Amino acid sequence: MCRIVGRPLCGLGNCPALKRPYPPGQHGQKRNSRKNSEFGFQLLEKQKLKFIYGIRERQFHRFYQEATKNKNQLTGSALLQRLETRLDSIVYRLGYARTIHGARQLVVHGHFTVNEKRVDRPSYHVPVGSVIRLTDKAKKFAVIIDNLSAQANIPTYLAFDREDWSGGLLKLPERSEVPVDIDTSLIVEYYARV
C-alpha cells in the first residue's frame, strides 16, 4: 500500500515506498501517470485509512456505521475518533511500539492493563480518563525500552508518565490533533455512493 500511494503509511523509516518510488507490479516502473476516477480516489482513501490502522473491511464498515449515528459531529471526524481510541492505536501513539502492527501484537499477548484490568483485545474502546500500564513482565522487554527511549512527540489528547511508564487518554481527539493525512470526506462520499 505504501508503494501504491507513493509515501510511507506504515510508520517505518525503511519503508518500501522510499526504496522503490514506483507502484508495485510487473509494469510499475512503466506507468508514468495513472488516471483515476472520482470513485477510485474515494476507494484509495478508504484503503489507506484501513491500512494505517490495520483493520479489515467488515470492522471498518462497522466503525463507519457507528460514526454515522453520532449526530454531534461530522461523520469523518467521528470515524477517526473511534479509530484513535482503540487500544492498539493508543499503545502505538504512546510510543510503546514502532508500528500499529507491533502495538497490536503487544496487546494481544496481554502486556497491557487498562484501569488495572488486563486487556488483550486490540479493538478495545478506551474510555476517556483511563490509565494504560505495562505489565511488570513487559517492562523488561528490550524492544519496549528501546521504543520508549526513542519516543517521538505524543499527541495532545494523550498523557504519558515516564517514571511509571503509564499513559492515558485525556480527552477525545479532535480531527486536527490526529496525525493522519487522510481526506475523510472522500471516505464518507464512498460509503454514500456504495
N, C-alpha and C. Protein backbone atom coordinates (compact mmCIF):
# COMPACT_ATOMS: atom_id res chain seq x y z
N MET A 1 0.83 -1.19 0.00
CA MET A 1 0.00 0.00 0.00
C MET A 1 0.88 1.26 0.00
N CYS A 2 2.00 1.20 0.70
CA CYS A 2 2.90 2.35 0.71
C CYS A 2 3.40 2.67 -0.70
N ARG A 3 3.71 1.62 -1.46
CA ARG A 3 4.20 1.84 -2.81
C ARG A 3 3.09 2.28 -3.76
N ILE A 4 1.87 1.83 -3.53
CA ILE A 4 0.76 2.26 -4.37
C ILE A 4 0.54 3.75 -4.20
N VAL A 5 0.59 4.21 -2.94
CA VAL A 5 0.35 5.62 -2.64
C VAL A 5 1.58 6.46 -2.97
N GLY A 6 2.77 5.89 -2.80
CA GLY A 6 3.98 6.62 -3.10
C GLY A 6 4.58 7.33 -1.91
N ARG A 7 4.09 7.04 -0.72
CA ARG A 7 4.64 7.63 0.51
C ARG A 7 4.45 6.65 1.66
N PRO A 8 5.27 6.76 2.70
CA PRO A 8 5.19 5.78 3.78
C PRO A 8 3.93 5.95 4.63
N LEU A 9 3.13 4.91 4.70
CA LEU A 9 1.94 4.89 5.55
C LEU A 9 2.16 3.99 6.76
N CYS A 10 3.17 3.14 6.69
CA CYS A 10 3.38 2.11 7.71
C CYS A 10 4.03 2.63 8.98
N GLY A 11 4.68 3.79 8.92
CA GLY A 11 5.32 4.33 10.11
C GLY A 11 6.77 3.93 10.26
N LEU A 12 7.30 3.16 9.33
CA LEU A 12 8.70 2.73 9.41
C LEU A 12 9.60 3.68 8.66
N GLY A 13 10.83 3.79 9.12
CA GLY A 13 11.80 4.65 8.44
C GLY A 13 12.34 4.01 7.17
N ASN A 14 12.41 2.67 7.13
CA ASN A 14 12.92 1.97 5.95
C ASN A 14 11.76 1.38 5.14
N CYS A 15 10.83 2.23 4.80
CA CYS A 15 9.61 1.82 4.09
C CYS A 15 9.92 1.47 2.63
N PRO A 16 9.24 0.47 2.07
CA PRO A 16 9.45 0.13 0.66
C PRO A 16 9.13 1.28 -0.30
N ALA A 17 8.26 2.20 0.12
CA ALA A 17 7.93 3.33 -0.75
C ALA A 17 9.12 4.24 -0.94
N LEU A 18 10.02 4.27 0.03
CA LEU A 18 11.20 5.11 -0.08
C LEU A 18 12.30 4.42 -0.90
N LYS A 19 12.35 3.08 -0.84
CA LYS A 19 13.37 2.35 -1.59
C LYS A 19 13.03 2.28 -3.08
N ARG A 20 11.76 2.02 -3.37
CA ARG A 20 11.31 1.89 -4.76
C ARG A 20 10.13 2.83 -4.97
N PRO A 21 10.36 4.04 -5.41
CA PRO A 21 9.28 5.03 -5.51
C PRO A 21 8.44 4.90 -6.78
N TYR A 22 7.98 3.69 -7.04
CA TYR A 22 7.09 3.44 -8.17
C TYR A 22 6.09 2.38 -7.73
N PRO A 23 4.94 2.30 -8.37
CA PRO A 23 3.92 1.33 -7.96
C PRO A 23 4.41 -0.10 -8.08
N PRO A 24 3.85 -1.02 -7.27
CA PRO A 24 4.26 -2.41 -7.36
C PRO A 24 3.72 -3.07 -8.62
N GLY A 25 4.27 -4.22 -8.92
CA GLY A 25 3.77 -4.99 -10.06
C GLY A 25 4.74 -5.02 -11.20
N GLN A 26 4.41 -5.85 -12.17
CA GLN A 26 5.28 -6.08 -13.32
C GLN A 26 5.50 -4.81 -14.14
N HIS A 27 4.47 -3.98 -14.25
CA HIS A 27 4.57 -2.78 -15.08
C HIS A 27 4.64 -1.52 -14.24
N GLY A 28 5.06 -1.63 -12.99
CA GLY A 28 5.07 -0.49 -12.08
C GLY A 28 5.97 0.64 -12.54
N GLN A 29 7.16 0.31 -13.05
CA GLN A 29 8.09 1.35 -13.48
C GLN A 29 7.66 2.00 -14.78
N LYS A 30 6.86 1.31 -15.56
CA LYS A 30 6.47 1.83 -16.87
C LYS A 30 5.28 2.77 -16.79
N ARG A 31 4.56 2.73 -15.67
CA ARG A 31 3.39 3.60 -15.53
C ARG A 31 3.83 5.01 -15.20
N ASN A 32 3.62 5.92 -16.10
CA ASN A 32 4.02 7.31 -15.85
C ASN A 32 2.96 8.03 -15.02
N SER A 33 1.76 7.99 -15.48
CA SER A 33 0.69 8.67 -14.73
C SER A 33 -0.56 7.79 -14.79
N ARG A 34 -1.07 7.51 -13.62
CA ARG A 34 -2.29 6.71 -13.56
C ARG A 34 -3.47 7.64 -13.50
N LYS A 35 -4.38 7.49 -14.43
CA LYS A 35 -5.61 8.26 -14.38
C LYS A 35 -6.59 7.52 -13.50
N ASN A 36 -7.14 8.21 -12.54
CA ASN A 36 -8.06 7.59 -11.62
C ASN A 36 -9.38 8.33 -11.65
N SER A 37 -10.44 7.60 -11.48
CA SER A 37 -11.77 8.22 -11.45
C SER A 37 -12.03 8.77 -10.06
N GLU A 38 -13.13 9.47 -9.91
CA GLU A 38 -13.52 10.00 -8.61
C GLU A 38 -13.75 8.86 -7.62
N PHE A 39 -14.40 7.80 -8.10
CA PHE A 39 -14.62 6.62 -7.27
C PHE A 39 -13.28 5.99 -6.86
N GLY A 40 -12.32 5.98 -7.78
CA GLY A 40 -11.00 5.42 -7.48
C GLY A 40 -10.30 6.17 -6.37
N PHE A 41 -10.40 7.51 -6.38
CA PHE A 41 -9.79 8.30 -5.31
C PHE A 41 -10.47 8.04 -3.97
N GLN A 42 -11.80 7.90 -3.98
CA GLN A 42 -12.53 7.62 -2.75
C GLN A 42 -12.14 6.26 -2.19
N LEU A 43 -12.07 5.26 -3.06
CA LEU A 43 -11.69 3.91 -2.65
C LEU A 43 -10.27 3.90 -2.09
N LEU A 44 -9.36 4.63 -2.73
CA LEU A 44 -7.97 4.67 -2.29
C LEU A 44 -7.85 5.30 -0.89
N GLU A 45 -8.62 6.36 -0.62
CA GLU A 45 -8.58 6.97 0.72
C GLU A 45 -9.07 5.99 1.78
N LYS A 46 -10.13 5.25 1.46
CA LYS A 46 -10.64 4.27 2.41
C LYS A 46 -9.60 3.17 2.64
N GLN A 47 -8.97 2.69 1.58
CA GLN A 47 -7.97 1.64 1.70
C GLN A 47 -6.76 2.12 2.49
N LYS A 48 -6.37 3.39 2.28
CA LYS A 48 -5.24 3.94 3.03
C LYS A 48 -5.55 3.97 4.52
N LEU A 49 -6.75 4.42 4.90
CA LEU A 49 -7.11 4.50 6.31
C LEU A 49 -7.18 3.11 6.93
N LYS A 50 -7.73 2.15 6.19
CA LYS A 50 -7.76 0.77 6.67
C LYS A 50 -6.35 0.24 6.88
N PHE A 51 -5.44 0.55 5.98
CA PHE A 51 -4.07 0.08 6.08
C PHE A 51 -3.35 0.73 7.26
N ILE A 52 -3.54 2.02 7.45
CA ILE A 52 -2.87 2.73 8.54
C ILE A 52 -3.24 2.12 9.89
N TYR A 53 -4.51 1.80 10.09
CA TYR A 53 -4.96 1.26 11.37
C TYR A 53 -4.95 -0.27 11.40
N GLY A 54 -4.67 -0.90 10.27
CA GLY A 54 -4.53 -2.36 10.24
C GLY A 54 -5.81 -3.11 10.54
N ILE A 55 -6.93 -2.64 10.01
CA ILE A 55 -8.19 -3.33 10.26
C ILE A 55 -8.79 -3.81 8.95
N ARG A 56 -9.72 -4.72 9.06
CA ARG A 56 -10.33 -5.31 7.87
C ARG A 56 -11.62 -4.58 7.51
N GLU A 57 -12.14 -4.95 6.35
CA GLU A 57 -13.30 -4.24 5.78
C GLU A 57 -14.53 -4.30 6.66
N ARG A 58 -14.85 -5.47 7.19
CA ARG A 58 -16.07 -5.61 7.97
C ARG A 58 -16.03 -4.74 9.23
N GLN A 59 -14.89 -4.76 9.92
CA GLN A 59 -14.75 -3.95 11.13
C GLN A 59 -14.74 -2.46 10.79
N PHE A 60 -14.08 -2.10 9.70
CA PHE A 60 -14.06 -0.70 9.28
C PHE A 60 -15.46 -0.21 8.95
N HIS A 61 -16.23 -1.04 8.27
CA HIS A 61 -17.60 -0.66 7.92
C HIS A 61 -18.45 -0.49 9.19
N ARG A 62 -18.22 -1.33 10.18
CA ARG A 62 -18.95 -1.20 11.45
C ARG A 62 -18.59 0.12 12.15
N PHE A 63 -17.30 0.48 12.13
CA PHE A 63 -16.89 1.76 12.71
C PHE A 63 -17.55 2.93 11.98
N TYR A 64 -17.64 2.80 10.65
CA TYR A 64 -18.30 3.86 9.87
C TYR A 64 -19.77 3.99 10.25
N GLN A 65 -20.45 2.87 10.40
CA GLN A 65 -21.87 2.91 10.78
C GLN A 65 -22.05 3.53 12.16
N GLU A 66 -21.14 3.24 13.10
CA GLU A 66 -21.20 3.86 14.42
C GLU A 66 -20.98 5.37 14.31
N ALA A 67 -20.08 5.77 13.41
CA ALA A 67 -19.79 7.20 13.24
C ALA A 67 -20.98 7.94 12.64
N THR A 68 -21.75 7.29 11.78
CA THR A 68 -22.91 7.97 11.19
C THR A 68 -24.00 8.21 12.22
N LYS A 69 -24.03 7.43 13.28
CA LYS A 69 -25.05 7.61 14.31
C LYS A 69 -24.74 8.77 15.24
N ASN A 70 -23.50 9.26 15.22
CA ASN A 70 -23.11 10.39 16.06
C ASN A 70 -23.59 11.68 15.41
N LYS A 71 -24.61 12.30 16.00
CA LYS A 71 -25.21 13.50 15.41
C LYS A 71 -24.50 14.78 15.83
N ASN A 72 -23.58 14.69 16.81
CA ASN A 72 -22.93 15.89 17.34
C ASN A 72 -21.74 16.34 16.52
N GLN A 73 -21.19 15.49 15.66
CA GLN A 73 -20.03 15.88 14.88
C GLN A 73 -20.08 15.24 13.50
N LEU A 74 -19.17 15.69 12.65
CA LEU A 74 -19.11 15.17 11.29
C LEU A 74 -18.75 13.69 11.30
N THR A 75 -19.25 12.96 10.31
CA THR A 75 -19.05 11.52 10.26
C THR A 75 -17.57 11.17 10.14
N GLY A 76 -16.82 11.89 9.31
CA GLY A 76 -15.40 11.60 9.14
C GLY A 76 -14.61 11.80 10.43
N SER A 77 -14.92 12.86 11.16
CA SER A 77 -14.23 13.12 12.43
C SER A 77 -14.59 12.07 13.47
N ALA A 78 -15.86 11.67 13.50
CA ALA A 78 -16.29 10.63 14.45
C ALA A 78 -15.62 9.29 14.12
N LEU A 79 -15.44 9.00 12.83
CA LEU A 79 -14.76 7.77 12.43
C LEU A 79 -13.31 7.76 12.90
N LEU A 80 -12.60 8.86 12.66
CA LEU A 80 -11.21 8.94 13.11
C LEU A 80 -11.11 8.88 14.63
N GLN A 81 -12.05 9.51 15.31
CA GLN A 81 -12.07 9.48 16.77
C GLN A 81 -12.24 8.04 17.27
N ARG A 82 -13.11 7.30 16.64
CA ARG A 82 -13.35 5.92 17.03
C ARG A 82 -12.11 5.06 16.77
N LEU A 83 -11.43 5.29 15.66
CA LEU A 83 -10.22 4.53 15.35
C LEU A 83 -9.07 4.88 16.29
N GLU A 84 -8.97 6.15 16.67
CA GLU A 84 -7.89 6.59 17.55
C GLU A 84 -8.07 6.16 19.00
N THR A 85 -9.28 5.82 19.41
CA THR A 85 -9.50 5.41 20.80
C THR A 85 -9.47 3.89 20.96
N ARG A 86 -9.05 3.18 19.92
CA ARG A 86 -8.79 1.74 20.06
C ARG A 86 -7.53 1.57 20.89
N LEU A 87 -7.43 0.47 21.62
CA LEU A 87 -6.28 0.26 22.49
C LEU A 87 -4.98 0.15 21.71
N ASP A 88 -4.99 -0.55 20.58
CA ASP A 88 -3.74 -0.67 19.83
C ASP A 88 -3.28 0.66 19.26
N SER A 89 -4.21 1.54 18.89
CA SER A 89 -3.84 2.86 18.40
C SER A 89 -3.20 3.70 19.50
N ILE A 90 -3.77 3.63 20.68
CA ILE A 90 -3.24 4.42 21.79
C ILE A 90 -1.86 3.90 22.21
N VAL A 91 -1.70 2.58 22.23
CA VAL A 91 -0.39 1.99 22.55
C VAL A 91 0.65 2.45 21.54
N TYR A 92 0.28 2.50 20.27
CA TYR A 92 1.19 2.96 19.22
C TYR A 92 1.51 4.45 19.38
N ARG A 93 0.50 5.26 19.62
CA ARG A 93 0.72 6.71 19.76
C ARG A 93 1.53 7.06 21.00
N LEU A 94 1.42 6.25 22.05
CA LEU A 94 2.21 6.50 23.26
C LEU A 94 3.68 6.09 23.09
N GLY A 95 3.99 5.35 22.03
CA GLY A 95 5.37 5.03 21.73
C GLY A 95 5.86 3.70 22.25
N TYR A 96 4.97 2.83 22.71
CA TYR A 96 5.39 1.51 23.17
C TYR A 96 5.86 0.64 22.01
N ALA A 97 5.35 0.90 20.81
CA ALA A 97 5.70 0.11 19.62
C ALA A 97 6.02 1.05 18.46
N ARG A 98 6.82 0.57 17.51
CA ARG A 98 7.20 1.39 16.35
C ARG A 98 6.11 1.44 15.29
N THR A 99 5.27 0.41 15.23
CA THR A 99 4.19 0.36 14.25
C THR A 99 2.90 -0.05 14.93
N ILE A 100 1.79 0.18 14.24
CA ILE A 100 0.49 -0.21 14.78
C ILE A 100 0.39 -1.74 14.86
N HIS A 101 1.06 -2.43 13.95
CA HIS A 101 1.04 -3.89 13.97
C HIS A 101 1.82 -4.43 15.17
N GLY A 102 2.93 -3.77 15.50
CA GLY A 102 3.67 -4.15 16.70
C GLY A 102 2.88 -3.89 17.97
N ALA A 103 2.13 -2.77 17.98
CA ALA A 103 1.29 -2.46 19.13
C ALA A 103 0.19 -3.50 19.28
N ARG A 104 -0.39 -3.93 18.16
CA ARG A 104 -1.44 -4.95 18.22
C ARG A 104 -0.89 -6.25 18.81
N GLN A 105 0.32 -6.62 18.42
CA GLN A 105 0.90 -7.85 18.94
C GLN A 105 1.14 -7.76 20.44
N LEU A 106 1.62 -6.62 20.92
CA LEU A 106 1.83 -6.44 22.36
C LEU A 106 0.51 -6.54 23.12
N VAL A 107 -0.56 -5.97 22.56
CA VAL A 107 -1.86 -6.01 23.23
C VAL A 107 -2.42 -7.43 23.24
N VAL A 108 -2.33 -8.13 22.11
CA VAL A 108 -2.88 -9.49 22.01
C VAL A 108 -2.17 -10.43 22.98
N HIS A 109 -0.89 -10.21 23.23
CA HIS A 109 -0.15 -11.06 24.15
C HIS A 109 -0.38 -10.69 25.61
N GLY A 110 -1.23 -9.70 25.85
CA GLY A 110 -1.64 -9.37 27.21
C GLY A 110 -0.63 -8.59 28.03
N HIS A 111 0.14 -7.71 27.38
CA HIS A 111 1.17 -6.96 28.09
C HIS A 111 0.68 -5.61 28.62
N PHE A 112 -0.61 -5.31 28.51
CA PHE A 112 -1.14 -4.02 28.97
C PHE A 112 -2.36 -4.21 29.85
N THR A 113 -2.51 -3.28 30.79
CA THR A 113 -3.72 -3.23 31.61
C THR A 113 -4.37 -1.88 31.39
N VAL A 114 -5.69 -1.87 31.40
CA VAL A 114 -6.46 -0.63 31.31
C VAL A 114 -7.26 -0.54 32.61
N ASN A 115 -6.96 0.49 33.39
CA ASN A 115 -7.58 0.67 34.71
C ASN A 115 -7.42 -0.58 35.56
N GLU A 116 -6.18 -1.09 35.59
CA GLU A 116 -5.78 -2.24 36.41
C GLU A 116 -6.41 -3.57 35.98
N LYS A 117 -7.02 -3.65 34.82
CA LYS A 117 -7.55 -4.91 34.29
C LYS A 117 -6.81 -5.25 33.00
N ARG A 118 -6.34 -6.49 32.92
CA ARG A 118 -5.62 -6.90 31.73
C ARG A 118 -6.57 -6.98 30.54
N VAL A 119 -6.15 -6.38 29.44
CA VAL A 119 -6.96 -6.37 28.21
C VAL A 119 -6.09 -6.92 27.09
N ASP A 120 -6.65 -7.89 26.34
CA ASP A 120 -5.90 -8.48 25.23
C ASP A 120 -6.63 -8.35 23.90
N ARG A 121 -7.53 -7.39 23.82
CA ARG A 121 -8.25 -7.13 22.55
C ARG A 121 -7.77 -5.80 21.98
N PRO A 122 -7.16 -5.81 20.80
CA PRO A 122 -6.68 -4.56 20.20
C PRO A 122 -7.80 -3.57 19.90
N SER A 123 -9.00 -4.08 19.63
CA SER A 123 -10.12 -3.20 19.28
C SER A 123 -10.83 -2.64 20.50
N TYR A 124 -10.33 -2.90 21.70
CA TYR A 124 -10.96 -2.41 22.93
C TYR A 124 -11.07 -0.89 22.88
N HIS A 125 -12.27 -0.38 23.10
CA HIS A 125 -12.51 1.07 23.10
C HIS A 125 -12.11 1.64 24.46
N VAL A 126 -11.09 2.48 24.47
CA VAL A 126 -10.56 3.04 25.71
C VAL A 126 -11.39 4.27 26.09
N PRO A 127 -12.04 4.26 27.27
CA PRO A 127 -12.81 5.43 27.70
C PRO A 127 -11.89 6.58 28.11
N VAL A 128 -12.41 7.78 28.07
CA VAL A 128 -11.64 8.96 28.48
C VAL A 128 -11.34 8.84 29.97
N GLY A 129 -10.10 9.17 30.33
CA GLY A 129 -9.68 9.10 31.72
C GLY A 129 -9.07 7.78 32.12
N SER A 130 -9.00 6.83 31.20
CA SER A 130 -8.43 5.51 31.52
C SER A 130 -6.91 5.60 31.62
N VAL A 131 -6.34 4.73 32.44
CA VAL A 131 -4.89 4.64 32.62
C VAL A 131 -4.42 3.33 32.02
N ILE A 132 -3.44 3.41 31.13
CA ILE A 132 -2.89 2.25 30.44
C ILE A 132 -1.49 2.01 30.99
N ARG A 133 -1.27 0.80 31.49
CA ARG A 133 0.03 0.46 32.09
C ARG A 133 0.59 -0.81 31.44
N LEU A 134 1.92 -0.90 31.48
CA LEU A 134 2.59 -2.12 31.08
C LEU A 134 2.54 -3.10 32.24
N THR A 135 2.51 -4.38 31.94
CA THR A 135 2.65 -5.38 33.00
C THR A 135 4.11 -5.39 33.46
N ASP A 136 4.37 -5.94 34.62
CA ASP A 136 5.73 -5.98 35.16
C ASP A 136 6.67 -6.76 34.25
N LYS A 137 6.17 -7.82 33.66
CA LYS A 137 6.99 -8.63 32.75
C LYS A 137 7.37 -7.82 31.51
N ALA A 138 6.43 -7.04 30.98
CA ALA A 138 6.68 -6.29 29.75
C ALA A 138 7.64 -5.12 29.96
N LYS A 139 7.77 -4.64 31.19
CA LYS A 139 8.70 -3.53 31.46
C LYS A 139 10.15 -3.94 31.26
N LYS A 140 10.41 -5.24 31.19
CA LYS A 140 11.77 -5.74 31.00
C LYS A 140 12.11 -6.00 29.53
N PHE A 141 11.14 -5.88 28.63
CA PHE A 141 11.38 -6.17 27.21
C PHE A 141 12.29 -5.10 26.60
N ALA A 142 13.34 -5.55 25.93
CA ALA A 142 14.29 -4.62 25.31
C ALA A 142 13.63 -3.81 24.21
N VAL A 143 12.70 -4.41 23.49
CA VAL A 143 12.02 -3.71 22.39
C VAL A 143 11.24 -2.51 22.93
N ILE A 144 10.52 -2.71 24.01
CA ILE A 144 9.72 -1.63 24.58
C ILE A 144 10.63 -0.56 25.17
N ILE A 145 11.71 -0.97 25.82
CA ILE A 145 12.65 0.01 26.39
C ILE A 145 13.26 0.86 25.28
N ASP A 146 13.65 0.23 24.16
CA ASP A 146 14.21 0.99 23.03
C ASP A 146 13.19 1.93 22.43
N ASN A 147 11.96 1.46 22.26
CA ASN A 147 10.92 2.30 21.67
C ASN A 147 10.61 3.50 22.55
N LEU A 148 10.56 3.29 23.86
CA LEU A 148 10.26 4.40 24.76
C LEU A 148 11.42 5.38 24.86
N SER A 149 12.65 4.90 24.70
CA SER A 149 13.80 5.82 24.75
C SER A 149 13.86 6.68 23.50
N ALA A 150 13.39 6.15 22.36
CA ALA A 150 13.38 6.90 21.10
C ALA A 150 12.00 7.47 20.83
N GLN A 151 11.29 7.80 21.88
CA GLN A 151 9.89 8.22 21.75
C GLN A 151 9.78 9.58 21.08
N ALA A 152 8.89 9.66 20.12
CA ALA A 152 8.64 10.92 19.42
C ALA A 152 7.59 11.71 20.20
N ASN A 153 7.10 12.77 19.57
CA ASN A 153 6.10 13.60 20.26
C ASN A 153 4.78 12.87 20.38
N ILE A 154 4.17 13.01 21.54
CA ILE A 154 2.90 12.36 21.84
C ILE A 154 1.78 13.34 21.54
N PRO A 155 0.69 12.90 20.92
CA PRO A 155 -0.43 13.81 20.64
C PRO A 155 -0.98 14.44 21.92
N THR A 156 -1.61 15.59 21.78
CA THR A 156 -2.07 16.36 22.95
C THR A 156 -3.23 15.71 23.68
N TYR A 157 -3.93 14.80 23.06
CA TYR A 157 -5.06 14.17 23.73
C TYR A 157 -4.63 12.98 24.59
N LEU A 158 -3.32 12.66 24.59
CA LEU A 158 -2.78 11.58 25.40
C LEU A 158 -1.81 12.14 26.43
N ALA A 159 -1.65 11.40 27.52
CA ALA A 159 -0.67 11.75 28.55
C ALA A 159 0.23 10.55 28.78
N PHE A 160 1.52 10.83 29.10
CA PHE A 160 2.46 9.75 29.35
C PHE A 160 3.32 10.10 30.55
N ASP A 161 3.42 9.17 31.50
CA ASP A 161 4.24 9.34 32.70
C ASP A 161 5.50 8.51 32.52
N ARG A 162 6.65 9.16 32.34
CA ARG A 162 7.91 8.45 32.07
C ARG A 162 8.40 7.65 33.27
N GLU A 163 8.11 8.09 34.48
CA GLU A 163 8.57 7.36 35.67
C GLU A 163 7.83 6.04 35.84
N ASP A 164 6.53 6.07 35.62
CA ASP A 164 5.70 4.88 35.82
C ASP A 164 5.50 4.06 34.54
N TRP A 165 5.90 4.63 33.38
CA TRP A 165 5.69 4.02 32.07
C TRP A 165 4.21 3.78 31.81
N SER A 166 3.40 4.68 32.27
CA SER A 166 1.96 4.55 32.05
C SER A 166 1.47 5.73 31.24
N GLY A 167 0.36 5.55 30.58
CA GLY A 167 -0.23 6.60 29.78
C GLY A 167 -1.73 6.59 29.92
N GLY A 168 -2.36 7.56 29.29
CA GLY A 168 -3.81 7.60 29.38
C GLY A 168 -4.42 8.50 28.33
N LEU A 169 -5.71 8.36 28.18
CA LEU A 169 -6.49 9.16 27.25
C LEU A 169 -7.10 10.33 28.02
N LEU A 170 -6.63 11.54 27.75
CA LEU A 170 -7.11 12.72 28.46
C LEU A 170 -8.47 13.18 27.97
N LYS A 171 -8.65 13.15 26.64
CA LYS A 171 -9.90 13.62 26.04
C LYS A 171 -10.05 12.96 24.68
N LEU A 172 -11.23 13.07 24.12
CA LEU A 172 -11.44 12.54 22.77
C LEU A 172 -10.69 13.41 21.77
N PRO A 173 -10.00 12.81 20.82
CA PRO A 173 -9.19 13.60 19.88
C PRO A 173 -10.04 14.40 18.90
N GLU A 174 -9.59 15.61 18.62
CA GLU A 174 -10.19 16.43 17.56
C GLU A 174 -9.57 16.00 16.23
N ARG A 175 -10.19 16.35 15.14
CA ARG A 175 -9.68 15.97 13.81
C ARG A 175 -8.29 16.58 13.57
N SER A 176 -8.07 17.80 14.03
CA SER A 176 -6.79 18.46 13.80
C SER A 176 -5.66 17.85 14.63
N GLU A 177 -5.98 17.12 15.69
CA GLU A 177 -4.96 16.53 16.56
C GLU A 177 -4.52 15.14 16.10
N VAL A 178 -5.29 14.52 15.24
CA VAL A 178 -4.97 13.16 14.78
C VAL A 178 -3.90 13.25 13.69
N PRO A 179 -2.72 12.63 13.93
CA PRO A 179 -1.62 12.76 12.97
C PRO A 179 -1.75 11.81 11.77
N VAL A 180 -2.85 11.92 11.04
CA VAL A 180 -3.10 11.07 9.88
C VAL A 180 -3.49 11.98 8.72
N ASP A 181 -2.79 11.81 7.58
CA ASP A 181 -3.05 12.63 6.41
C ASP A 181 -4.07 11.93 5.50
N ILE A 182 -5.35 12.07 5.86
CA ILE A 182 -6.44 11.41 5.14
C ILE A 182 -7.56 12.43 4.93
N ASP A 183 -8.17 12.39 3.76
CA ASP A 183 -9.35 13.22 3.49
C ASP A 183 -10.59 12.37 3.80
N THR A 184 -11.14 12.57 4.99
CA THR A 184 -12.26 11.74 5.44
C THR A 184 -13.53 12.01 4.65
N SER A 185 -13.63 13.18 4.02
CA SER A 185 -14.84 13.45 3.23
C SER A 185 -14.94 12.50 2.04
N LEU A 186 -13.80 12.08 1.49
CA LEU A 186 -13.82 11.12 0.38
C LEU A 186 -14.34 9.76 0.85
N ILE A 187 -14.02 9.38 2.09
CA ILE A 187 -14.50 8.11 2.64
C ILE A 187 -16.01 8.17 2.85
N VAL A 188 -16.50 9.30 3.34
CA VAL A 188 -17.94 9.47 3.53
C VAL A 188 -18.66 9.42 2.19
N GLU A 189 -18.08 10.05 1.16
CA GLU A 189 -18.67 10.02 -0.17
C GLU A 189 -18.66 8.60 -0.73
N TYR A 190 -17.60 7.85 -0.45
CA TYR A 190 -17.52 6.47 -0.93
C TYR A 190 -18.67 5.65 -0.36
N TYR A 191 -18.89 5.72 0.95
CA TYR A 191 -19.96 4.93 1.56
C TYR A 191 -21.34 5.46 1.18
N ALA A 192 -21.46 6.73 0.90
CA ALA A 192 -22.74 7.26 0.43
C ALA A 192 -23.07 6.71 -0.96
N ARG A 193 -22.03 6.52 -1.78
CA ARG A 193 -22.23 6.01 -3.13
C ARG A 193 -22.52 4.52 -3.09
N VAL A 194 -21.81 3.78 -2.23
CA VAL A 194 -21.97 2.34 -2.16
C VAL A 194 -23.25 2.02 -1.42
